[in-house]
Amino acid sequence: MSAPFFVLTGGPGAGKTSLITELARRGFHTIPESGRAIIREEMQSGGDALPWADRAAYAERMLERDLHAFSAAQKLSGPVIFDRGIPDVLGYLKLCGLPVAPHIATAAKAARYNRRVFLAPFWDEIFTQDTERKQSQTEAEATCAAMFETYVALGYEIIELPRTDIARRADFVCKQLAI
């Protein structure tokens, strides 16, 4: 791998995208979450690869996009910070009680990120829903737990982000990247 790849994971509404935006503003290479883009595309096209329609198709689309992003990021220098990683697809399927196809499990094991994964914990004070994020607070907490379990099972070390403002969260990540 030509650059250290770091993942920011957790449940929906925990501030991941805001943090990724701040880290990009500070000059880091960042990779956006595939899920939101797929939801927007499917809603515009009338497709059903959506988390509230065809979850398996949605997972396959996320995997395809995440594998492409992982491959494209190989050309970048310096740290690259991903808003969710390929193991998130595995965690999503397990959370939904759907079978994990062998190619998805293989991809999650083969495409390796830095062993330290940043977890944005559920944070009631900032959790909101919108047209793309329809999960309840209970589902958001369960998603966070599923991502934690998935990454740990794959041998990653979880670094929980502090529940603080975006600037301090970004400072925390920057300090961790310097280690």
N, C-alpha and C. Protein backbone atom coordinates (compact mmCIF):
# COMPACT_ATOMS: atom_id res chain seq x y z
N MET A 1 0.85 -1.17 0.00
CA MET A 1 0.00 0.00 0.00
C MET A 1 0.89 1.23 0.00
N SER A 2 0.60 2.16 -0.90
CA SER A 2 1.46 3.33 -1.05
C SER A 2 1.18 4.41 -0.01
N ALA A 3 0.03 4.36 0.64
CA ALA A 3 -0.30 5.38 1.64
C ALA A 3 -0.99 4.73 2.82
N PRO A 4 -0.82 5.30 4.00
CA PRO A 4 -1.55 4.75 5.15
C PRO A 4 -3.03 5.09 5.02
N PHE A 5 -3.87 4.05 5.06
CA PHE A 5 -5.31 4.20 4.92
C PHE A 5 -5.97 4.09 6.29
N PHE A 6 -6.73 5.10 6.66
CA PHE A 6 -7.41 5.13 7.94
C PHE A 6 -8.92 5.15 7.71
N VAL A 7 -9.64 4.44 8.57
CA VAL A 7 -11.10 4.38 8.45
C VAL A 7 -11.73 5.11 9.62
N LEU A 8 -12.80 5.82 9.29
CA LEU A 8 -13.67 6.44 10.27
C LEU A 8 -15.01 5.73 10.14
N THR A 9 -15.41 5.02 11.18
CA THR A 9 -16.66 4.25 11.14
C THR A 9 -17.53 4.60 12.34
N GLY A 10 -18.67 3.95 12.43
CA GLY A 10 -19.61 4.17 13.51
C GLY A 10 -21.02 4.12 12.98
N GLY A 11 -21.95 4.52 13.80
CA GLY A 11 -23.34 4.53 13.38
C GLY A 11 -23.68 5.82 12.64
N PRO A 12 -24.87 5.88 12.07
CA PRO A 12 -25.29 7.10 11.39
C PRO A 12 -25.53 8.22 12.39
N GLY A 13 -25.27 9.45 11.94
CA GLY A 13 -25.55 10.61 12.78
C GLY A 13 -24.58 10.85 13.90
N ALA A 14 -23.37 10.29 13.79
CA ALA A 14 -22.37 10.44 14.86
C ALA A 14 -21.29 11.47 14.53
N GLY A 15 -21.45 12.18 13.41
CA GLY A 15 -20.51 13.23 13.06
C GLY A 15 -19.37 12.83 12.15
N LYS A 16 -19.44 11.65 11.53
CA LYS A 16 -18.35 11.19 10.67
C LYS A 16 -18.12 12.10 9.46
N THR A 17 -19.19 12.41 8.76
CA THR A 17 -19.06 13.21 7.54
C THR A 17 -18.58 14.62 7.86
N SER A 18 -19.06 15.19 8.95
CA SER A 18 -18.59 16.53 9.35
C SER A 18 -17.10 16.49 9.66
N LEU A 19 -16.66 15.43 10.31
CA LEU A 19 -15.24 15.30 10.63
C LEU A 19 -14.42 15.10 9.36
N ILE A 20 -14.89 14.27 8.45
CA ILE A 20 -14.19 14.06 7.18
C ILE A 20 -14.06 15.38 6.42
N THR A 21 -15.12 16.18 6.43
CA THR A 21 -15.09 17.48 5.77
C THR A 21 -14.02 18.37 6.38
N GLU A 22 -13.93 18.38 7.71
CA GLU A 22 -12.92 19.20 8.40
C GLU A 22 -11.51 18.69 8.10
N LEU A 23 -11.34 17.37 8.07
CA LEU A 23 -10.01 16.83 7.77
C LEU A 23 -9.60 17.15 6.34
N ALA A 24 -10.54 17.13 5.42
CA ALA A 24 -10.25 17.51 4.02
C ALA A 24 -9.86 18.99 3.97
N ARG A 25 -10.56 19.82 4.73
CA ARG A 25 -10.24 21.25 4.79
C ARG A 25 -8.81 21.47 5.29
N ARG A 26 -8.36 20.56 6.16
CA ARG A 26 -7.00 20.66 6.71
C ARG A 26 -5.95 20.05 5.78
N GLY A 27 -6.37 19.56 4.63
CA GLY A 27 -5.41 19.10 3.64
C GLY A 27 -5.25 17.60 3.50
N PHE A 28 -6.00 16.83 4.23
CA PHE A 28 -5.89 15.37 4.13
C PHE A 28 -6.67 14.87 2.91
N HIS A 29 -6.18 13.78 2.34
CA HIS A 29 -6.95 13.08 1.32
C HIS A 29 -8.08 12.36 2.06
N THR A 30 -9.30 12.54 1.59
CA THR A 30 -10.44 11.88 2.21
C THR A 30 -11.28 11.20 1.14
N ILE A 31 -11.92 10.13 1.53
CA ILE A 31 -12.79 9.37 0.64
C ILE A 31 -14.19 9.40 1.25
N PRO A 32 -15.18 9.93 0.52
CA PRO A 32 -16.53 10.03 1.08
C PRO A 32 -17.20 8.67 1.24
N GLU A 33 -18.21 8.64 2.08
CA GLU A 33 -19.00 7.44 2.30
C GLU A 33 -19.75 7.09 1.02
N SER A 34 -19.73 5.82 0.64
CA SER A 34 -20.41 5.40 -0.59
C SER A 34 -21.92 5.31 -0.39
N GLY A 35 -22.37 4.97 0.80
CA GLY A 35 -23.78 4.73 1.05
C GLY A 35 -24.68 5.90 0.70
N ARG A 36 -24.32 7.08 1.15
CA ARG A 36 -25.15 8.26 0.87
C ARG A 36 -25.24 8.54 -0.63
N ALA A 37 -24.12 8.41 -1.33
CA ALA A 37 -24.12 8.65 -2.78
C ALA A 37 -25.03 7.65 -3.48
N ILE A 38 -24.97 6.40 -3.06
CA ILE A 38 -25.81 5.37 -3.67
C ILE A 38 -27.28 5.67 -3.39
N ILE A 39 -27.61 6.07 -2.18
CA ILE A 39 -29.00 6.41 -1.84
C ILE A 39 -29.49 7.54 -2.74
N ARG A 40 -28.69 8.59 -2.90
CA ARG A 40 -29.08 9.72 -3.76
C ARG A 40 -29.31 9.24 -5.19
N GLU A 41 -28.36 8.44 -5.72
CA GLU A 41 -28.47 7.95 -7.09
C GLU A 41 -29.71 7.08 -7.27
N GLU A 42 -29.95 6.18 -6.33
CA GLU A 42 -31.09 5.28 -6.44
C GLU A 42 -32.41 6.04 -6.33
N MET A 43 -32.46 7.04 -5.47
CA MET A 43 -33.69 7.82 -5.33
C MET A 43 -33.96 8.64 -6.60
N GLN A 44 -32.89 9.17 -7.21
CA GLN A 44 -33.06 9.95 -8.44
C GLN A 44 -33.47 9.07 -9.62
N SER A 45 -32.94 7.85 -9.66
CA SER A 45 -33.22 6.97 -10.81
C SER A 45 -34.44 6.07 -10.59
N GLY A 46 -34.99 6.08 -9.38
CA GLY A 46 -36.12 5.20 -9.08
C GLY A 46 -35.69 3.77 -8.82
N GLY A 47 -34.40 3.57 -8.52
CA GLY A 47 -33.87 2.23 -8.25
C GLY A 47 -34.26 1.75 -6.87
N ASP A 48 -33.99 0.49 -6.60
CA ASP A 48 -34.36 -0.06 -5.29
C ASP A 48 -33.17 -0.61 -4.50
N ALA A 49 -31.94 -0.29 -4.91
CA ALA A 49 -30.76 -0.69 -4.13
C ALA A 49 -30.62 0.31 -2.97
N LEU A 50 -31.58 0.22 -2.06
CA LEU A 50 -31.70 1.15 -0.94
C LEU A 50 -31.80 0.37 0.36
N PRO A 51 -31.35 0.95 1.47
CA PRO A 51 -31.41 0.22 2.74
C PRO A 51 -32.84 -0.06 3.21
N TRP A 52 -33.83 0.62 2.68
CA TRP A 52 -35.22 0.36 3.06
C TRP A 52 -35.98 -0.38 1.95
N ALA A 53 -35.24 -0.83 0.92
CA ALA A 53 -35.89 -1.58 -0.17
C ALA A 53 -35.17 -2.92 -0.37
N ASP A 54 -34.03 -2.89 -1.06
CA ASP A 54 -33.27 -4.12 -1.34
C ASP A 54 -31.90 -3.98 -0.68
N ARG A 55 -31.82 -4.42 0.56
CA ARG A 55 -30.59 -4.26 1.35
C ARG A 55 -29.41 -5.01 0.75
N ALA A 56 -29.65 -6.19 0.20
CA ALA A 56 -28.55 -6.97 -0.39
C ALA A 56 -27.98 -6.24 -1.61
N ALA A 57 -28.85 -5.69 -2.45
CA ALA A 57 -28.39 -4.94 -3.62
C ALA A 57 -27.64 -3.68 -3.19
N TYR A 58 -28.14 -3.03 -2.15
CA TYR A 58 -27.48 -1.85 -1.60
C TYR A 58 -26.07 -2.21 -1.12
N ALA A 59 -25.93 -3.32 -0.41
CA ALA A 59 -24.62 -3.77 0.08
C ALA A 59 -23.68 -4.06 -1.09
N GLU A 60 -24.17 -4.69 -2.13
CA GLU A 60 -23.33 -4.98 -3.30
C GLU A 60 -22.85 -3.70 -3.97
N ARG A 61 -23.72 -2.71 -4.06
CA ARG A 61 -23.33 -1.43 -4.65
C ARG A 61 -22.28 -0.73 -3.78
N MET A 62 -22.46 -0.81 -2.45
CA MET A 62 -21.45 -0.21 -1.56
C MET A 62 -20.11 -0.91 -1.73
N LEU A 63 -20.13 -2.24 -1.77
CA LEU A 63 -18.88 -2.98 -1.93
C LEU A 63 -18.18 -2.59 -3.22
N GLU A 64 -18.92 -2.55 -4.31
CA GLU A 64 -18.34 -2.19 -5.61
C GLU A 64 -17.69 -0.82 -5.55
N ARG A 65 -18.40 0.14 -4.99
CA ARG A 65 -17.87 1.51 -4.93
C ARG A 65 -16.69 1.60 -3.96
N ASP A 66 -16.77 0.89 -2.82
CA ASP A 66 -15.69 0.93 -1.84
C ASP A 66 -14.42 0.27 -2.38
N LEU A 67 -14.56 -0.82 -3.12
CA LEU A 67 -13.39 -1.47 -3.72
C LEU A 67 -12.74 -0.54 -4.74
N HIS A 68 -13.55 0.14 -5.53
CA HIS A 68 -13.02 1.10 -6.51
C HIS A 68 -12.28 2.23 -5.79
N ALA A 69 -12.87 2.77 -4.73
CA ALA A 69 -12.24 3.85 -3.98
C ALA A 69 -10.93 3.40 -3.35
N PHE A 70 -10.92 2.19 -2.80
CA PHE A 70 -9.70 1.64 -2.19
C PHE A 70 -8.59 1.54 -3.24
N SER A 71 -8.94 1.05 -4.40
CA SER A 71 -7.96 0.91 -5.49
C SER A 71 -7.46 2.27 -5.96
N ALA A 72 -8.37 3.21 -6.17
CA ALA A 72 -7.99 4.54 -6.63
C ALA A 72 -7.12 5.26 -5.61
N ALA A 73 -7.37 5.04 -4.33
CA ALA A 73 -6.61 5.70 -3.26
C ALA A 73 -5.16 5.23 -3.21
N GLN A 74 -4.86 4.10 -3.82
CA GLN A 74 -3.48 3.60 -3.85
C GLN A 74 -2.53 4.61 -4.50
N LYS A 75 -3.06 5.47 -5.35
CA LYS A 75 -2.24 6.44 -6.07
C LYS A 75 -1.97 7.71 -5.26
N LEU A 76 -2.62 7.85 -4.13
CA LEU A 76 -2.47 9.05 -3.31
C LEU A 76 -1.29 8.91 -2.36
N SER A 77 -0.67 10.05 -2.04
CA SER A 77 0.43 10.01 -1.07
C SER A 77 -0.05 10.60 0.26
N GLY A 78 0.59 10.16 1.32
CA GLY A 78 0.21 10.63 2.65
C GLY A 78 -1.01 9.89 3.16
N PRO A 79 -1.46 10.23 4.35
CA PRO A 79 -2.63 9.55 4.91
C PRO A 79 -3.88 9.77 4.06
N VAL A 80 -4.68 8.74 3.96
CA VAL A 80 -5.99 8.80 3.29
C VAL A 80 -7.01 8.37 4.34
N ILE A 81 -8.04 9.18 4.52
CA ILE A 81 -9.04 8.89 5.54
C ILE A 81 -10.37 8.59 4.85
N PHE A 82 -10.86 7.39 5.11
CA PHE A 82 -12.09 6.90 4.49
C PHE A 82 -13.27 7.09 5.42
N ASP A 83 -14.37 7.65 4.89
CA ASP A 83 -15.63 7.71 5.62
C ASP A 83 -16.29 6.35 5.40
N ARG A 84 -16.01 5.43 6.28
CA ARG A 84 -16.38 4.00 6.24
C ARG A 84 -15.43 3.25 5.32
N GLY A 85 -15.24 1.97 5.66
CA GLY A 85 -14.36 1.11 4.88
C GLY A 85 -15.11 -0.12 4.40
N ILE A 86 -14.44 -0.96 3.66
CA ILE A 86 -15.03 -2.19 3.13
C ILE A 86 -15.61 -3.07 4.24
N PRO A 87 -14.97 -3.19 5.41
CA PRO A 87 -15.58 -3.99 6.48
C PRO A 87 -16.95 -3.47 6.92
N ASP A 88 -17.25 -2.20 6.68
CA ASP A 88 -18.58 -1.68 7.03
C ASP A 88 -19.68 -2.42 6.27
N VAL A 89 -19.39 -2.86 5.05
CA VAL A 89 -20.38 -3.61 4.27
C VAL A 89 -20.67 -4.93 4.97
N LEU A 90 -19.63 -5.58 5.44
CA LEU A 90 -19.78 -6.83 6.19
C LEU A 90 -20.61 -6.58 7.46
N GLY A 91 -20.29 -5.53 8.20
CA GLY A 91 -21.03 -5.19 9.40
C GLY A 91 -22.48 -4.86 9.11
N TYR A 92 -22.73 -4.18 7.99
CA TYR A 92 -24.10 -3.84 7.60
C TYR A 92 -24.92 -5.10 7.34
N LEU A 93 -24.35 -6.03 6.60
CA LEU A 93 -25.08 -7.27 6.31
C LEU A 93 -25.40 -8.05 7.59
N LYS A 94 -24.42 -8.14 8.48
CA LYS A 94 -24.64 -8.84 9.75
C LYS A 94 -25.72 -8.13 10.57
N LEU A 95 -25.67 -6.80 10.61
CA LEU A 95 -26.65 -6.01 11.34
C LEU A 95 -28.06 -6.28 10.81
N CYS A 96 -28.19 -6.42 9.49
CA CYS A 96 -29.49 -6.64 8.85
C CYS A 96 -29.93 -8.10 8.91
N GLY A 97 -29.06 -8.99 9.40
CA GLY A 97 -29.39 -10.40 9.44
C GLY A 97 -29.37 -11.05 8.07
N LEU A 98 -28.61 -10.45 7.15
CA LEU A 98 -28.49 -11.00 5.81
C LEU A 98 -27.24 -11.85 5.69
N PRO A 99 -27.27 -12.85 4.80
CA PRO A 99 -26.07 -13.68 4.63
C PRO A 99 -24.93 -12.85 4.04
N VAL A 100 -23.72 -13.19 4.45
CA VAL A 100 -22.53 -12.54 3.93
C VAL A 100 -21.95 -13.45 2.84
N ALA A 101 -22.04 -12.97 1.61
CA ALA A 101 -21.51 -13.75 0.50
C ALA A 101 -20.00 -13.88 0.65
N PRO A 102 -19.44 -15.03 0.21
CA PRO A 102 -17.99 -15.23 0.36
C PRO A 102 -17.14 -14.11 -0.22
N HIS A 103 -17.53 -13.53 -1.35
CA HIS A 103 -16.71 -12.48 -1.97
C HIS A 103 -16.68 -11.22 -1.10
N ILE A 104 -17.73 -10.99 -0.32
CA ILE A 104 -17.74 -9.82 0.56
C ILE A 104 -16.82 -10.05 1.76
N ALA A 105 -16.90 -11.25 2.34
CA ALA A 105 -16.01 -11.58 3.46
C ALA A 105 -14.55 -11.54 3.02
N THR A 106 -14.27 -12.05 1.83
CA THR A 106 -12.91 -12.05 1.29
C THR A 106 -12.41 -10.63 1.09
N ALA A 107 -13.26 -9.77 0.52
CA ALA A 107 -12.86 -8.38 0.28
C ALA A 107 -12.56 -7.66 1.59
N ALA A 108 -13.37 -7.90 2.61
CA ALA A 108 -13.17 -7.24 3.90
C ALA A 108 -11.87 -7.69 4.57
N LYS A 109 -11.47 -8.93 4.31
CA LYS A 109 -10.21 -9.43 4.88
C LYS A 109 -9.00 -9.01 4.05
N ALA A 110 -9.18 -8.88 2.73
CA ALA A 110 -8.05 -8.62 1.83
C ALA A 110 -7.68 -7.14 1.75
N ALA A 111 -8.65 -6.27 1.70
CA ALA A 111 -8.39 -4.84 1.57
C ALA A 111 -8.14 -4.29 2.98
N ARG A 112 -6.89 -4.19 3.34
CA ARG A 112 -6.54 -3.82 4.72
C ARG A 112 -6.26 -2.32 4.85
N TYR A 113 -6.73 -1.79 5.94
CA TYR A 113 -6.51 -0.41 6.32
C TYR A 113 -5.53 -0.41 7.49
N ASN A 114 -5.15 0.79 7.94
CA ASN A 114 -4.33 0.89 9.14
C ASN A 114 -5.02 0.14 10.27
N ARG A 115 -4.24 -0.49 11.12
CA ARG A 115 -4.82 -1.31 12.19
C ARG A 115 -5.66 -0.49 13.17
N ARG A 116 -5.39 0.82 13.27
CA ARG A 116 -6.16 1.70 14.14
C ARG A 116 -7.34 2.28 13.36
N VAL A 117 -8.54 1.97 13.80
CA VAL A 117 -9.76 2.45 13.15
C VAL A 117 -10.45 3.43 14.10
N PHE A 118 -10.86 4.57 13.56
CA PHE A 118 -11.54 5.58 14.37
C PHE A 118 -13.04 5.28 14.38
N LEU A 119 -13.60 5.23 15.58
CA LEU A 119 -15.02 4.95 15.76
C LEU A 119 -15.70 6.20 16.31
N ALA A 120 -16.69 6.70 15.57
CA ALA A 120 -17.52 7.80 16.06
C ALA A 120 -18.65 7.16 16.85
N PRO A 121 -18.64 7.28 18.18
CA PRO A 121 -19.67 6.63 18.99
C PRO A 121 -21.02 7.31 18.82
N PHE A 122 -22.08 6.56 19.11
CA PHE A 122 -23.40 7.17 19.08
C PHE A 122 -23.40 8.34 20.05
N TRP A 123 -24.00 9.43 19.62
CA TRP A 123 -24.01 10.65 20.42
C TRP A 123 -25.39 11.28 20.28
N ASP A 124 -26.20 11.07 21.27
CA ASP A 124 -27.60 11.50 21.24
C ASP A 124 -27.75 12.99 20.92
N GLU A 125 -26.86 13.82 21.44
CA GLU A 125 -26.97 15.27 21.28
C GLU A 125 -26.83 15.73 19.84
N ILE A 126 -26.15 14.98 18.98
CA ILE A 126 -25.97 15.42 17.60
C ILE A 126 -26.72 14.54 16.60
N PHE A 127 -27.33 13.45 17.06
CA PHE A 127 -28.02 12.54 16.15
C PHE A 127 -29.23 13.21 15.52
N THR A 128 -29.32 13.14 14.19
CA THR A 128 -30.48 13.64 13.46
C THR A 128 -30.81 12.68 12.33
N GLN A 129 -32.03 12.74 11.86
CA GLN A 129 -32.46 11.97 10.70
C GLN A 129 -32.66 12.94 9.54
N ASP A 130 -32.59 12.40 8.31
CA ASP A 130 -32.87 13.20 7.12
C ASP A 130 -33.38 12.27 6.04
N THR A 131 -33.46 12.76 4.80
CA THR A 131 -34.04 11.94 3.73
C THR A 131 -33.18 10.72 3.39
N GLU A 132 -31.90 10.76 3.71
CA GLU A 132 -31.01 9.63 3.44
C GLU A 132 -30.71 8.83 4.69
N ARG A 133 -30.82 9.46 5.84
CA ARG A 133 -30.54 8.79 7.12
C ARG A 133 -31.87 8.62 7.85
N LYS A 134 -32.46 7.44 7.67
CA LYS A 134 -33.79 7.20 8.24
C LYS A 134 -33.75 6.33 9.48
N GLN A 135 -32.58 5.91 9.92
CA GLN A 135 -32.47 5.02 11.08
C GLN A 135 -32.91 5.73 12.35
N SER A 136 -33.48 4.94 13.25
CA SER A 136 -33.85 5.45 14.57
C SER A 136 -32.60 5.52 15.44
N GLN A 137 -32.72 6.12 16.60
CA GLN A 137 -31.59 6.15 17.54
C GLN A 137 -31.17 4.74 17.92
N THR A 138 -32.14 3.87 18.13
CA THR A 138 -31.83 2.47 18.49
C THR A 138 -31.04 1.79 17.37
N GLU A 139 -31.46 2.02 16.12
CA GLU A 139 -30.75 1.43 14.98
C GLU A 139 -29.35 2.04 14.84
N ALA A 140 -29.22 3.33 15.11
CA ALA A 140 -27.91 3.98 15.03
C ALA A 140 -26.96 3.39 16.06
N GLU A 141 -27.45 3.18 17.28
CA GLU A 141 -26.62 2.57 18.33
C GLU A 141 -26.24 1.14 17.95
N ALA A 142 -27.18 0.39 17.39
CA ALA A 142 -26.90 -0.99 16.98
C ALA A 142 -25.89 -1.02 15.84
N THR A 143 -25.97 -0.05 14.94
CA THR A 143 -25.01 0.04 13.83
C THR A 143 -23.61 0.29 14.37
N CYS A 144 -23.49 1.20 15.31
CA CYS A 144 -22.19 1.50 15.91
C CYS A 144 -21.61 0.24 16.55
N ALA A 145 -22.43 -0.49 17.29
CA ALA A 145 -21.97 -1.72 17.94
C ALA A 145 -21.57 -2.77 16.90
N ALA A 146 -22.32 -2.88 15.81
CA ALA A 146 -22.00 -3.85 14.76
C ALA A 146 -20.67 -3.51 14.09
N MET A 147 -20.42 -2.23 13.86
CA MET A 147 -19.16 -1.84 13.22
C MET A 147 -17.98 -2.11 14.17
N PHE A 148 -18.17 -1.81 15.44
CA PHE A 148 -17.14 -2.10 16.44
C PHE A 148 -16.79 -3.59 16.39
N GLU A 149 -17.81 -4.44 16.50
CA GLU A 149 -17.61 -5.89 16.52
C GLU A 149 -16.96 -6.39 15.23
N THR A 150 -17.39 -5.86 14.10
CA THR A 150 -16.86 -6.30 12.80
C THR A 150 -15.38 -5.98 12.68
N TYR A 151 -15.01 -4.75 13.00
CA TYR A 151 -13.59 -4.36 12.87
C TYR A 151 -12.72 -5.12 13.88
N VAL A 152 -13.19 -5.29 15.10
CA VAL A 152 -12.41 -6.04 16.09
C VAL A 152 -12.21 -7.48 15.62
N ALA A 153 -13.27 -8.09 15.08
CA ALA A 153 -13.18 -9.47 14.59
C ALA A 153 -12.17 -9.60 13.44
N LEU A 154 -11.97 -8.51 12.70
CA LEU A 154 -11.00 -8.52 11.60
C LEU A 154 -9.60 -8.11 12.06
N GLY A 155 -9.41 -7.93 13.36
CA GLY A 155 -8.08 -7.65 13.89
C GLY A 155 -7.70 -6.19 14.00
N TYR A 156 -8.67 -5.30 13.89
CA TYR A 156 -8.38 -3.87 14.00
C TYR A 156 -8.48 -3.42 15.46
N GLU A 157 -7.77 -2.35 15.77
CA GLU A 157 -7.83 -1.71 17.09
C GLU A 157 -8.75 -0.50 16.98
N ILE A 158 -9.72 -0.40 17.85
CA ILE A 158 -10.69 0.69 17.79
C ILE A 158 -10.22 1.87 18.64
N ILE A 159 -10.19 3.05 18.02
CA ILE A 159 -9.88 4.30 18.70
C ILE A 159 -11.18 5.11 18.70
N GLU A 160 -11.80 5.24 19.88
CA GLU A 160 -13.06 5.97 19.96
C GLU A 160 -12.81 7.46 19.95
N LEU A 161 -13.55 8.15 19.09
CA LEU A 161 -13.44 9.60 19.02
C LEU A 161 -14.10 10.24 20.23
N PRO A 162 -13.56 11.34 20.71
CA PRO A 162 -14.20 12.03 21.83
C PRO A 162 -15.49 12.70 21.37
N ARG A 163 -16.43 12.83 22.27
CA ARG A 163 -17.68 13.55 22.00
C ARG A 163 -17.41 15.03 22.28
N THR A 164 -16.95 15.70 21.24
CA THR A 164 -16.60 17.12 21.36
C THR A 164 -16.81 17.77 20.00
N ASP A 165 -16.53 19.05 19.89
CA ASP A 165 -16.77 19.76 18.63
C ASP A 165 -15.85 19.23 17.52
N ILE A 166 -16.20 19.58 16.29
CA ILE A 166 -15.49 19.06 15.11
C ILE A 166 -14.01 19.44 15.14
N ALA A 167 -13.68 20.65 15.50
CA ALA A 167 -12.27 21.07 15.51
C ALA A 167 -11.46 20.21 16.48
N ARG A 168 -11.99 19.97 17.66
CA ARG A 168 -11.27 19.14 18.64
C ARG A 168 -11.20 17.69 18.19
N ARG A 169 -12.26 17.21 17.56
CA ARG A 169 -12.22 15.84 17.03
C ARG A 169 -11.14 15.73 15.95
N ALA A 170 -11.07 16.72 15.09
CA ALA A 170 -10.05 16.71 14.03
C ALA A 170 -8.64 16.80 14.65
N ASP A 171 -8.48 17.63 15.68
CA ASP A 171 -7.19 17.70 16.37
C ASP A 171 -6.82 16.32 16.94
N PHE A 172 -7.80 15.63 17.51
CA PHE A 172 -7.58 14.30 18.08
C PHE A 172 -7.11 13.32 17.00
N VAL A 173 -7.78 13.33 15.85
CA VAL A 173 -7.38 12.45 14.75
C VAL A 173 -5.97 12.80 14.28
N CYS A 174 -5.69 14.07 14.11
CA CYS A 174 -4.36 14.50 13.65
C CYS A 174 -3.27 14.03 14.61
N LYS A 175 -3.54 14.12 15.89
CA LYS A 175 -2.58 13.67 16.90
C LYS A 175 -2.37 12.15 16.76
N GLN A 176 -3.44 11.40 16.57
CA GLN A 176 -3.34 9.95 16.41
C GLN A 176 -2.57 9.57 15.15
N LEU A 177 -2.74 10.33 14.08
CA LEU A 177 -2.05 10.05 12.81
C LEU A 177 -0.55 10.28 12.93
N ALA A 178 -0.16 11.13 13.88
CA ALA A 178 1.26 11.44 14.07
C ALA A 178 2.00 10.34 14.82
N ILE A 179 1.25 9.42 15.45
CA ILE A 179 1.88 8.36 16.26
C ILE A 179 2.53 7.34 15.35
